[in-house]
N, C-alpha and C. Protein backbone atom coordinates (compact mmCIF):
# COMPACT_ATOMS: atom_id res chain seq x y z
N MET A 1 0.76 -1.36 -0.14
CA MET A 1 0.07 -0.27 -0.02
C MET A 1 0.81 1.03 -0.02
N THR A 2 0.44 2.45 -0.69
CA THR A 2 1.24 2.98 -0.96
C THR A 2 0.60 4.55 -1.30
N MET A 3 1.13 5.66 -0.45
CA MET A 3 0.23 6.86 -0.15
C MET A 3 0.12 7.39 -1.21
N SER A 4 -1.04 8.17 -1.06
CA SER A 4 -1.25 8.75 -2.68
C SER A 4 -0.43 10.56 -2.65
N PRO A 5 0.05 10.79 -3.73
CA PRO A 5 1.28 11.75 -3.95
C PRO A 5 0.28 13.30 -2.85
N ALA A 6 -0.83 13.58 -2.91
CA ALA A 6 -1.25 14.30 -2.23
C ALA A 6 -0.96 14.26 -1.20
N LEU A 7 -1.75 12.81 0.07
CA LEU A 7 -1.46 12.81 0.84
C LEU A 7 -0.07 12.48 1.57
N ARG A 8 0.95 12.28 0.88
CA ARG A 8 2.28 12.48 0.86
C ARG A 8 3.25 13.64 1.39
N ARG A 9 2.37 14.52 0.55
CA ARG A 9 2.46 15.93 0.34
C ARG A 9 2.21 16.47 1.96
N VAL A 10 1.19 16.56 2.21
CA VAL A 10 0.45 17.10 3.24
C VAL A 10 1.30 16.10 4.74
N ALA A 11 1.27 14.92 4.41
CA ALA A 11 2.14 14.23 5.46
C ALA A 11 3.31 14.73 5.94
N ALA A 12 4.40 15.17 5.12
CA ALA A 12 5.72 15.42 5.24
C ALA A 12 6.06 17.08 5.63
N GLN A 13 4.93 17.77 5.38
CA GLN A 13 4.83 18.80 6.53
C GLN A 13 5.53 19.16 7.39
N PRO A 14 6.31 19.27 7.96
CA PRO A 14 7.10 19.55 9.13
C PRO A 14 5.94 19.97 9.92
N ASN A 15 5.14 21.08 9.84
CA ASN A 15 4.06 21.55 10.64
C ASN A 15 2.81 20.70 11.09
N VAL A 16 2.71 19.77 9.96
CA VAL A 16 1.68 18.57 10.68
C VAL A 16 2.51 17.25 11.32
N LEU A 17 3.67 17.03 11.22
CA LEU A 17 4.23 16.48 11.64
C LEU A 17 4.40 16.47 13.01
N PHE A 18 5.09 17.82 13.14
CA PHE A 18 4.93 18.34 14.55
C PHE A 18 3.69 18.60 15.30
N GLY A 19 2.74 19.37 14.90
CA GLY A 19 1.67 19.63 15.16
C GLY A 19 0.61 18.40 15.93
N GLY A 20 1.17 16.94 14.75
CA GLY A 20 0.14 16.08 14.72
C GLY A 20 0.91 15.55 16.27
N VAL A 21 2.91 15.54 16.56
CA VAL A 21 2.71 14.69 17.60
C VAL A 21 2.35 15.30 18.97
N TYR A 22 2.80 16.63 19.04
CA TYR A 22 2.81 17.40 20.19
C TYR A 22 1.33 17.55 20.20
N GLY A 23 0.24 17.59 19.50
CA GLY A 23 -1.13 17.73 20.24
C GLY A 23 -1.45 16.48 20.76
N ALA A 24 -0.83 14.71 20.42
CA ALA A 24 -1.22 13.98 20.88
C ALA A 24 -0.55 13.89 22.05
N VAL A 25 0.77 14.50 22.55
CA VAL A 25 0.91 14.58 23.78
C VAL A 25 0.55 15.32 24.34
N LEU A 26 0.41 16.39 24.36
CA LEU A 26 -0.81 17.58 25.16
C LEU A 26 -1.66 17.10 25.14
N ALA A 27 -2.51 16.26 24.32
CA ALA A 27 -3.90 15.69 24.88
C ALA A 27 -3.51 14.69 26.17
N SER A 28 -3.14 13.83 26.00
CA SER A 28 -2.22 12.91 26.50
C SER A 28 -2.06 13.20 28.26
N SER A 29 -1.15 14.50 28.33
CA SER A 29 -0.74 14.74 29.28
C SER A 29 -1.89 15.52 30.01
N MET A 30 -2.42 16.68 29.60
CA MET A 30 -3.79 17.41 29.96
C MET A 30 -4.67 16.13 30.56
N VAL A 31 -5.00 14.86 30.05
CA VAL A 31 -5.78 14.28 30.53
C VAL A 31 -5.27 13.46 31.95
N ALA A 32 -4.09 13.41 31.91
CA ALA A 32 -3.18 13.13 32.74
C ALA A 32 -3.34 14.11 34.00
N ALA A 33 -2.98 15.23 34.11
CA ALA A 33 -3.05 15.75 34.97
C ALA A 33 -4.23 16.41 35.17
N LEU A 34 -5.84 16.33 34.37
CA LEU A 34 -6.78 16.76 35.11
C LEU A 34 -7.70 15.72 35.65
N THR A 35 -7.06 14.52 35.36
CA THR A 35 -7.72 13.73 36.20
C THR A 35 -7.01 13.06 37.17
N GLN A 36 -5.62 13.21 37.47
CA GLN A 36 -4.81 12.81 38.72
C GLN A 36 -5.13 12.82 40.06
N TYR A 37 -6.76 13.28 40.26
CA TYR A 37 -7.21 13.37 41.26
C TYR A 37 -8.51 12.49 41.64
N GLY A 38 -8.69 11.24 40.44
CA GLY A 38 -9.55 10.77 41.10
C GLY A 38 -11.11 11.23 40.09
N GLU A 39 -11.26 12.17 39.82
CA GLU A 39 -12.33 13.14 39.24
C GLU A 39 -13.09 12.60 37.85
N THR A 40 -14.15 11.70 38.23
CA THR A 40 -15.25 11.15 36.68
C THR A 40 -16.18 11.08 36.10
N ALA A 41 -16.47 12.64 37.67
CA ALA A 41 -18.33 12.85 37.20
C ALA A 41 -18.38 13.32 35.92
N ARG A 42 -19.53 13.38 35.33
CA ARG A 42 -19.78 14.03 33.96
C ARG A 42 -19.21 15.29 33.54
N ASP A 43 -19.77 15.75 34.37
CA ASP A 43 -19.78 17.46 35.10
C ASP A 43 -17.56 17.78 34.87
N ASP A 44 -17.13 16.80 35.63
CA ASP A 44 -15.72 17.10 35.31
C ASP A 44 -15.32 16.36 33.88
N ARG A 45 -15.47 15.59 33.37
CA ARG A 45 -15.17 15.31 31.96
C ARG A 45 -15.72 16.45 30.89
N LEU A 46 -16.71 17.02 31.46
CA LEU A 46 -17.03 18.13 30.26
C LEU A 46 -15.99 19.26 30.71
N TYR A 47 -15.19 20.06 31.74
CA TYR A 47 -14.45 20.71 32.86
C TYR A 47 -13.20 20.20 31.82
N ASP A 48 -12.97 19.04 31.79
CA ASP A 48 -11.24 18.51 31.26
C ASP A 48 -11.26 18.59 29.57
N ALA A 49 -12.41 18.67 29.33
CA ALA A 49 -12.73 19.41 27.63
C ALA A 49 -12.48 20.39 27.09
N ARG A 50 -12.97 21.20 27.83
CA ARG A 50 -12.96 22.39 27.84
C ARG A 50 -11.69 22.76 28.03
N TRP A 51 -11.09 22.47 29.12
CA TRP A 51 -9.08 22.91 29.50
C TRP A 51 -8.23 22.65 28.76
N LEU A 52 -8.79 21.34 27.78
CA LEU A 52 -7.84 20.56 26.76
C LEU A 52 -8.18 21.54 25.28
N LEU A 53 -9.67 21.74 25.17
CA LEU A 53 -9.43 22.86 23.68
C LEU A 53 -8.66 24.29 24.26
N ILE A 54 -8.64 24.77 25.14
CA ILE A 54 -8.11 26.01 25.66
C ILE A 54 -7.20 25.91 25.71
N THR A 55 -6.45 24.65 26.40
CA THR A 55 -4.66 25.07 26.18
C THR A 55 -4.34 24.23 25.01
N ALA A 56 -4.84 23.80 24.06
CA ALA A 56 -4.96 23.36 22.74
C ALA A 56 -4.44 24.37 21.64
N PHE A 57 -5.46 25.57 21.97
CA PHE A 57 -5.48 26.71 21.07
C PHE A 57 -4.61 27.69 21.75
N ALA A 58 -4.14 27.77 23.05
CA ALA A 58 -3.22 28.74 23.59
C ALA A 58 -1.68 27.94 22.95
N SER A 59 -1.61 27.14 22.85
CA SER A 59 -0.50 26.24 22.73
C SER A 59 -0.31 26.67 21.01
N ALA A 60 -0.90 26.39 20.23
CA ALA A 60 -1.02 26.62 18.86
C ALA A 60 -0.64 28.20 18.69
N LEU A 61 -1.59 29.03 19.57
CA LEU A 61 -0.69 30.61 19.46
C LEU A 61 0.39 30.74 19.96
N ALA A 62 0.45 29.99 20.91
CA ALA A 62 2.40 30.26 21.55
C ALA A 62 2.84 29.91 20.47
N HIS A 63 2.73 28.93 19.78
CA HIS A 63 3.90 28.56 18.88
C HIS A 63 3.76 29.32 17.58
N GLY A 64 2.60 29.96 17.44
CA GLY A 64 2.46 30.48 15.87
C GLY A 64 3.53 32.62 16.50
N TYR A 65 3.00 32.79 17.89
CA TYR A 65 3.66 33.95 17.97
C TYR A 65 4.99 33.79 18.06
N ALA A 66 5.88 32.23 18.45
CA ALA A 66 7.79 32.20 18.50
C ALA A 66 7.85 32.21 17.44
N HIS A 67 7.29 31.59 16.24
CA HIS A 67 7.72 31.70 14.99
C HIS A 67 7.67 32.73 14.44
N ILE A 68 7.18 33.74 14.59
CA ILE A 68 6.79 35.28 13.97
C ILE A 68 7.68 35.97 14.44
N ILE A 69 8.37 35.74 16.12
CA ILE A 69 9.67 36.46 16.78
C ILE A 69 10.67 36.09 16.03
N ALA A 70 10.38 34.62 15.62
CA ALA A 70 12.00 33.99 15.02
C ALA A 70 11.92 34.50 13.79
N ARG A 71 11.18 34.72 12.58
CA ARG A 71 11.54 34.84 11.77
C ARG A 71 11.73 37.02 11.51
N ARG A 72 11.29 37.01 12.28
CA ARG A 72 12.12 38.74 13.00
C ARG A 72 13.38 38.58 12.84
N GLY A 73 13.87 37.35 13.43
CA GLY A 73 15.66 37.95 13.62
C GLY A 73 16.10 37.61 12.14
N ASP A 74 15.56 36.70 11.17
CA ASP A 74 15.99 36.72 9.58
C ASP A 74 16.04 37.64 8.87
N GLY A 75 15.17 39.07 9.47
CA GLY A 75 14.75 40.32 8.56
C GLY A 75 13.25 40.26 7.99
N SER A 76 12.78 38.82 8.54
CA SER A 76 11.33 39.01 7.64
C SER A 76 10.35 40.07 8.78
N HIS A 77 9.56 40.41 7.35
CA HIS A 77 8.24 41.42 8.53
C HIS A 77 7.33 40.56 7.57
N PRO A 78 6.68 39.82 8.11
CA PRO A 78 5.43 38.95 7.39
C PRO A 78 4.07 40.10 7.55
N GLY A 79 3.70 41.10 8.13
CA GLY A 79 3.15 42.01 8.51
C GLY A 79 1.59 41.29 8.89
N VAL A 80 0.46 41.60 8.83
CA VAL A 80 -0.77 41.40 9.88
C VAL A 80 -1.03 39.97 9.59
N LEU A 81 -1.28 39.83 8.00
CA LEU A 81 -1.93 38.59 7.58
C LEU A 81 -0.81 37.53 7.12
N GLY A 82 0.24 37.81 7.00
CA GLY A 82 1.63 36.86 7.13
C GLY A 82 1.27 36.43 8.29
N ALA A 83 1.60 37.36 9.86
CA ALA A 83 1.30 36.90 11.14
C ALA A 83 0.10 35.96 11.20
N LEU A 84 -0.58 36.18 10.66
CA LEU A 84 -1.91 35.28 11.16
C LEU A 84 -1.91 34.15 9.60
N ARG A 85 -0.88 34.02 9.15
CA ARG A 85 -0.59 32.92 8.26
C ARG A 85 -0.10 31.68 9.16
N VAL A 86 1.29 32.47 9.60
CA VAL A 86 1.54 31.40 10.80
C VAL A 86 1.52 30.93 11.95
N VAL A 87 0.50 31.51 12.38
CA VAL A 87 -0.41 31.36 13.25
C VAL A 87 -1.09 30.38 12.66
N ALA A 88 -2.20 30.39 11.30
CA ALA A 88 -2.99 29.52 10.97
C ALA A 88 -2.14 27.56 10.60
N HIS A 89 -0.38 28.13 10.38
CA HIS A 89 0.28 27.00 10.28
C HIS A 89 -0.06 25.82 11.35
N GLU A 90 -0.53 26.22 12.61
CA GLU A 90 -0.56 25.41 13.77
C GLU A 90 -1.65 24.40 13.62
N TRP A 91 -2.29 24.45 13.14
CA TRP A 91 -4.04 23.88 12.72
C TRP A 91 -3.13 22.22 13.26
N PRO A 92 -2.33 21.97 12.78
CA PRO A 92 -2.09 19.94 13.28
C PRO A 92 -2.21 20.01 14.60
N LEU A 93 -1.44 21.27 15.38
CA LEU A 93 -1.85 20.86 17.34
C LEU A 93 -3.28 20.73 17.75
N VAL A 94 -3.84 21.73 16.86
CA VAL A 94 -5.40 21.70 17.61
C VAL A 94 -5.88 20.51 17.20
N VAL A 95 -6.03 19.99 15.90
CA VAL A 95 -6.48 18.74 15.48
C VAL A 95 -6.18 17.88 16.02
N ALA A 96 -5.10 17.60 16.46
CA ALA A 96 -4.44 16.70 16.82
C ALA A 96 -5.08 16.26 18.40
N THR A 97 -5.73 17.03 18.81
CA THR A 97 -6.27 17.19 20.31
C THR A 97 -7.89 16.72 20.23
N LEU A 98 -8.25 17.06 18.98
CA LEU A 98 -9.84 16.74 19.03
C LEU A 98 -10.23 15.18 19.32
N PRO A 99 -9.40 14.31 18.25
CA PRO A 99 -10.47 12.96 19.43
C PRO A 99 -10.10 12.91 20.77
N THR A 100 -8.82 12.94 21.50
CA THR A 100 -9.39 13.66 22.72
C THR A 100 -10.36 14.34 23.50
N ALA A 101 -10.58 15.23 22.91
CA ALA A 101 -11.69 15.99 23.32
C ALA A 101 -12.86 15.65 22.84
N VAL A 102 -13.20 15.14 22.07
CA VAL A 102 -14.51 13.89 21.51
C VAL A 102 -14.99 13.03 23.06
N MET A 103 -13.70 12.30 23.11
CA MET A 103 -14.08 11.17 23.98
C MET A 103 -14.24 12.15 25.51
N LEU A 104 -13.82 13.15 25.70
CA LEU A 104 -13.92 14.09 27.11
C LEU A 104 -15.47 14.58 27.11
N LEU A 105 -15.64 14.89 26.07
CA LEU A 105 -17.11 15.50 25.68
C LEU A 105 -17.95 14.32 25.72
N GLY A 106 -17.71 13.42 25.34
CA GLY A 106 -18.81 12.23 24.87
C GLY A 106 -19.12 11.58 26.24
N ALA A 107 -17.81 11.61 27.25
CA ALA A 107 -18.17 10.78 28.71
C ALA A 107 -19.43 12.14 29.51
N GLY A 108 -19.14 13.53 29.50
CA GLY A 108 -19.05 14.01 29.83
C GLY A 108 -20.85 14.50 29.52
N TRP A 109 -20.82 14.04 28.63
CA TRP A 109 -22.61 14.35 27.84
C TRP A 109 -22.92 12.91 27.71
N GLY A 110 -22.94 11.95 28.28
CA GLY A 110 -23.54 10.29 28.92
C GLY A 110 -23.59 9.36 27.51
N TRP A 111 -22.72 9.42 26.92
CA TRP A 111 -22.51 8.57 25.52
C TRP A 111 -22.10 7.30 25.69
N TRP A 112 -20.64 7.14 26.74
CA TRP A 112 -20.37 5.91 27.60
C TRP A 112 -19.80 6.64 28.89
N ARG A 113 -19.59 5.50 29.28
CA ARG A 113 -19.25 5.95 31.05
C ARG A 113 -17.70 7.00 30.81
N SER A 114 -18.07 7.94 31.92
CA SER A 114 -16.96 8.50 32.27
C SER A 114 -15.65 8.34 33.09
N ALA A 115 -15.88 7.24 33.92
CA ALA A 115 -14.72 6.88 34.51
C ALA A 115 -13.76 5.69 33.37
N GLY A 116 -12.46 6.27 33.99
CA GLY A 116 -11.82 5.52 32.89
C GLY A 116 -11.59 6.07 31.29
N ILE A 117 -12.34 6.68 30.92
CA ILE A 117 -11.84 7.26 29.84
C ILE A 117 -10.80 7.46 29.35
N GLU A 118 -10.03 8.04 30.61
CA GLU A 118 -8.87 8.92 30.41
C GLU A 118 -7.85 7.23 29.93
N TYR A 119 -7.76 6.52 30.61
CA TYR A 119 -6.99 5.64 29.57
C TYR A 119 -7.53 4.90 28.08
N VAL A 120 -8.48 5.15 28.14
CA VAL A 120 -9.00 5.01 26.47
C VAL A 120 -7.99 6.21 25.51
N ALA A 121 -8.71 7.68 25.63
CA ALA A 121 -7.60 8.76 25.38
C ALA A 121 -6.11 8.47 25.65
N PHE A 122 -5.19 7.85 26.21
CA PHE A 122 -4.31 7.55 26.32
C PHE A 122 -3.68 7.01 25.33
N GLY A 123 -4.76 5.49 25.61
CA GLY A 123 -4.19 4.57 24.57
C GLY A 123 -4.58 4.72 22.92
N PHE A 124 -5.17 5.63 22.67
CA PHE A 124 -5.46 6.27 21.38
C PHE A 124 -4.43 7.03 20.97
N ASN A 125 -4.04 8.12 21.96
CA ASN A 125 -3.08 8.86 21.49
C ASN A 125 -1.33 8.34 21.28
N ILE A 126 -1.16 7.46 22.21
CA ILE A 126 -0.07 6.49 21.99
C ILE A 126 -0.07 5.57 20.44
N ALA A 127 -1.30 4.94 20.58
CA ALA A 127 -1.40 4.55 18.48
C ALA A 127 -1.21 5.77 18.20
N LEU A 128 -1.52 7.26 18.08
CA LEU A 128 -1.78 7.93 17.25
C LEU A 128 -0.17 8.09 16.93
N LEU A 129 0.23 8.38 18.01
CA LEU A 129 1.65 8.64 18.08
C LEU A 129 2.85 7.70 17.53
N PHE A 130 2.44 6.21 17.13
CA PHE A 130 3.22 5.22 16.38
C PHE A 130 2.66 5.77 15.18
N ALA A 131 1.59 5.75 14.49
CA ALA A 131 0.78 6.59 13.43
C ALA A 131 1.61 7.39 12.66
N TRP A 132 1.79 8.53 13.69
CA TRP A 132 2.59 9.77 13.10
C TRP A 132 4.29 9.67 13.21
N GLY A 133 4.58 8.43 13.62
CA GLY A 133 6.12 7.68 13.30
C GLY A 133 6.30 6.99 11.81
N LEU A 134 5.39 6.13 11.88
CA LEU A 134 4.95 5.26 11.07
C LEU A 134 4.63 6.40 9.61
N SER A 135 4.13 7.14 9.67
CA SER A 135 3.82 7.67 8.55
C SER A 135 5.51 8.54 8.20
N ALA A 136 5.78 9.20 8.88
CA ALA A 136 7.02 10.06 8.80
C ALA A 136 8.24 9.34 8.22
N ALA A 137 8.15 7.88 8.54
CA ALA A 137 9.02 6.96 8.21
C ALA A 137 9.03 6.86 6.74
N ARG A 138 7.44 6.22 6.53
CA ARG A 138 7.11 5.95 5.48
C ARG A 138 7.35 7.52 4.18
N VAL A 139 6.97 8.06 4.84
CA VAL A 139 7.22 9.63 3.43
C VAL A 139 8.43 9.71 3.39
N SER A 140 9.19 9.45 4.71
CA SER A 140 10.99 9.42 4.46
C SER A 140 11.66 8.57 3.17
N GLY A 141 10.53 7.34 2.83
CA GLY A 141 10.99 6.51 1.84
C GLY A 141 11.57 5.12 3.03
N ARG A 142 11.52 4.96 4.18
CA ARG A 142 12.05 3.78 4.41
C ARG A 142 10.76 2.44 4.53
N THR A 143 11.30 1.57 4.71
CA THR A 143 10.80 -0.46 4.19
C THR A 143 9.70 0.02 5.32
N TRP A 144 8.38 -0.70 5.24
CA TRP A 144 7.77 -0.89 5.94
C TRP A 144 8.08 -1.79 7.34
N ARG A 145 9.21 -2.20 7.10
CA ARG A 145 9.76 -3.13 8.58
C ARG A 145 10.41 -1.88 8.84
N SER A 146 11.09 -0.86 8.80
CA SER A 146 11.87 0.04 9.52
C SER A 146 10.46 1.22 10.09
N ALA A 147 10.40 1.43 8.87
CA ALA A 147 8.93 2.32 9.45
C ALA A 147 8.17 1.69 10.85
N LEU A 148 7.64 0.32 10.59
CA LEU A 148 7.31 0.13 11.71
C LEU A 148 8.01 0.18 13.16
N ALA A 149 9.50 -0.24 13.15
CA ALA A 149 9.97 0.36 13.93
C ALA A 149 10.24 1.52 14.61
N VAL A 150 10.58 2.17 13.95
CA VAL A 150 10.12 3.78 13.82
C VAL A 150 8.96 4.13 14.70
N GLY A 151 7.61 3.60 14.34
CA GLY A 151 6.71 3.73 14.81
C GLY A 151 6.73 3.50 16.56
N CYS A 152 7.07 1.95 16.80
CA CYS A 152 7.01 1.74 17.99
C CYS A 152 8.27 2.49 19.03
N VAL A 153 9.32 2.70 18.35
CA VAL A 153 9.85 3.60 18.87
C VAL A 153 9.59 4.84 19.15
N ASP A 154 8.75 5.50 18.69
CA ASP A 154 8.40 7.25 18.55
C ASP A 154 6.66 6.46 19.60
N ALA A 155 6.46 5.79 19.55
CA ALA A 155 5.24 5.37 20.51
C ALA A 155 5.74 5.31 21.78
N LEU A 156 6.78 4.64 22.55
CA LEU A 156 7.38 4.37 23.46
C LEU A 156 7.99 5.67 24.10
N LEU A 157 8.76 6.59 23.16
CA LEU A 157 9.15 7.98 23.54
C LEU A 157 7.78 8.83 23.89
N GLY A 158 6.49 8.81 23.04
CA GLY A 158 5.60 9.37 23.79
C GLY A 158 5.35 8.83 24.61
N LEU A 159 5.14 7.78 25.14
CA LEU A 159 4.73 7.34 26.73
C LEU A 159 5.25 7.62 27.80
N ILE A 160 7.02 7.41 27.37
CA ILE A 160 7.78 8.41 28.21
C ILE A 160 7.22 9.66 28.64
N VAL A 161 7.31 10.49 27.51
CA VAL A 161 7.66 12.12 27.54
C VAL A 161 6.03 12.16 28.68
N VAL A 162 5.02 11.46 28.40
CA VAL A 162 3.52 11.32 28.61
C VAL A 162 3.65 11.39 30.26
N ILE A 163 4.42 10.10 30.35
CA ILE A 163 4.32 9.43 32.38
C ILE A 163 5.05 11.03 32.15
N ALA A 164 6.36 11.13 32.12
CA ALA A 164 7.19 12.44 32.89
C ALA A 164 6.15 13.68 33.04
N ASN A 165 5.56 14.16 31.98
CA ASN A 165 4.64 15.40 32.45
C ASN A 165 3.24 14.83 33.67
N ALA A 166 2.97 13.58 33.56
CA ALA A 166 1.76 13.36 34.29
C ALA A 166 2.38 13.48 35.24
N LEU A 167 4.27 12.70 35.96
CA LEU A 167 4.39 12.68 37.35
C LEU A 167 4.99 14.35 37.26
N ILE A 168 4.89 14.93 36.78
CA ILE A 168 5.58 16.64 36.99
C ILE A 168 4.63 17.48 37.75
N LYS A 169 3.32 16.74 37.05
CA LYS A 169 1.97 17.76 37.20
C LYS A 169 1.89 17.41 38.37
């Protein structure tokens, strides 16, 4: 199975890879931090979803802002529209948090059990990190065997980062 050229171009963009990975780690870390005290009521899950989305947008804005400042160092003056474009390129970070937000919202709205949804979100995000690693390796021309190994290592690294973030918070 090969990727279409259009999908390969999108998946190979550094902002897509960066944002996808960062968003998955952010979502897992936020869920771990917000649920560390064992709050699993439906209202708590709605609160968690709200804070996850606020944090995702704030992180995207912070990354975009940092890119704007960094570009000033090379003499660029993108103007207001250029600055908005730079911030808009952070969309993959926000999109990568949406599945977790939907899981939390669904738990809050009673679509499924609220207790334990953090484990489902955590597992999903680790699988997402595997997929990002696998797709980046495939886009770079690695064999399937090599890409699978890279995906496994990336998922393991993501697991370590998420656990470290949870322990720090």
